[in-house]
Protein backbone atom coordinates (compact mmCIF):
# COMPACT_ATOMS: atom_id res chain seq x y z
CA UNK A 1 -5.20 6.22 12.54
CA UNK A 2 -7.90 7.28 10.09
CA UNK A 3 -10.84 5.09 9.20
CA UNK A 4 -10.12 3.06 6.03
CA UNK A 5 -12.11 4.26 3.02
CA UNK A 6 -12.06 4.03 -0.76
CA UNK A 7 -10.11 0.99 -1.94
CA UNK A 8 -9.51 -0.05 1.67
CA UNK A 9 -13.10 0.20 2.88
CA UNK A 10 -14.68 -2.76 4.67
CA UNK A 11 -18.23 -1.44 4.47
CA UNK A 12 -21.40 -3.48 4.54
CA UNK A 13 -21.80 -2.87 0.80
CA UNK A 14 -18.30 -4.26 0.10
CA UNK A 15 -18.88 -7.32 2.31
CA UNK A 16 -22.24 -8.07 0.68
CA UNK A 17 -20.77 -7.62 -2.80
CA UNK A 18 -17.86 -9.88 -1.90
CA UNK A 19 -20.15 -12.67 -0.71
CA UNK A 20 -22.29 -12.47 -3.85
CA UNK A 21 -19.25 -12.35 -6.11
CA UNK A 22 -17.55 -15.23 -4.26
CA UNK A 23 -20.69 -17.39 -4.46
CA UNK A 24 -21.06 -16.69 -8.18
CA UNK A 25 -17.41 -17.56 -8.77
CA UNK A 26 -17.98 -20.87 -6.98
CA UNK A 27 -20.81 -21.74 -9.37
CA UNK A 28 -19.88 -20.04 -12.63
CA UNK A 29 -16.17 -19.32 -12.23
CA UNK A 30 -13.26 -20.90 -14.08
CA UNK A 31 -12.82 -24.65 -13.70
CA UNK A 32 -9.24 -25.00 -12.50
CA UNK A 33 -6.57 -22.35 -12.36
CA UNK A 34 -3.31 -22.03 -10.51
CA UNK A 35 -3.69 -20.26 -7.14
CA UNK A 36 -2.07 -17.05 -8.41
CA UNK A 37 -4.54 -16.81 -11.32
CA UNK A 38 -7.69 -17.99 -9.51
CA UNK A 39 -10.13 -15.05 -9.01
CA UNK A 40 -11.62 -16.69 -5.89
CA UNK A 41 -8.22 -16.79 -4.20
CA UNK A 42 -7.49 -13.17 -5.18
CA UNK A 43 -10.89 -12.04 -3.89
CA UNK A 44 -10.40 -13.90 -0.61
CA UNK A 45 -6.93 -12.36 -0.11
CA UNK A 46 -8.32 -8.86 -0.74
CA UNK A 47 -11.18 -9.54 1.71
CA UNK A 48 -8.71 -10.72 4.37
CA UNK A 49 -6.48 -7.66 3.79
CA UNK A 50 -9.41 -5.26 4.19
CA UNK A 51 -10.70 -7.12 7.24
CA UNK A 52 -7.31 -6.97 8.96
CA UNK A 53 -7.02 -3.25 8.19
CA UNK A 54 -10.52 -2.69 9.60
CA UNK A 55 -9.75 -4.72 12.73
CA UNK A 56 -6.54 -2.73 13.28
CA UNK A 57 -8.52 0.50 12.97
CA UNK A 58 -11.15 -0.77 15.45
CA UNK A 59 -8.42 -1.79 17.93
CA UNK A 60 -6.84 1.65 17.59
CA UNK A 61 -10.24 3.29 18.24
CA UNK A 62 -10.75 1.22 21.40
CA UNK A 63 -7.29 2.06 22.76
CA UNK A 64 -7.66 5.79 22.12
């Protein structure tokens, strides 16, 4: 398994940008949207997807 990169990267820069973006959306984001249209929910799902992919890669590295 290759290390995730590009749109699947879970780098420190991505994680920092996510936290800043998520905090700004909490303060200045839209008032109330349905879950499928809420940018905070979409960002959190993308973060979880990348984290799981990164964890799978790390587990593969440890087993190899």
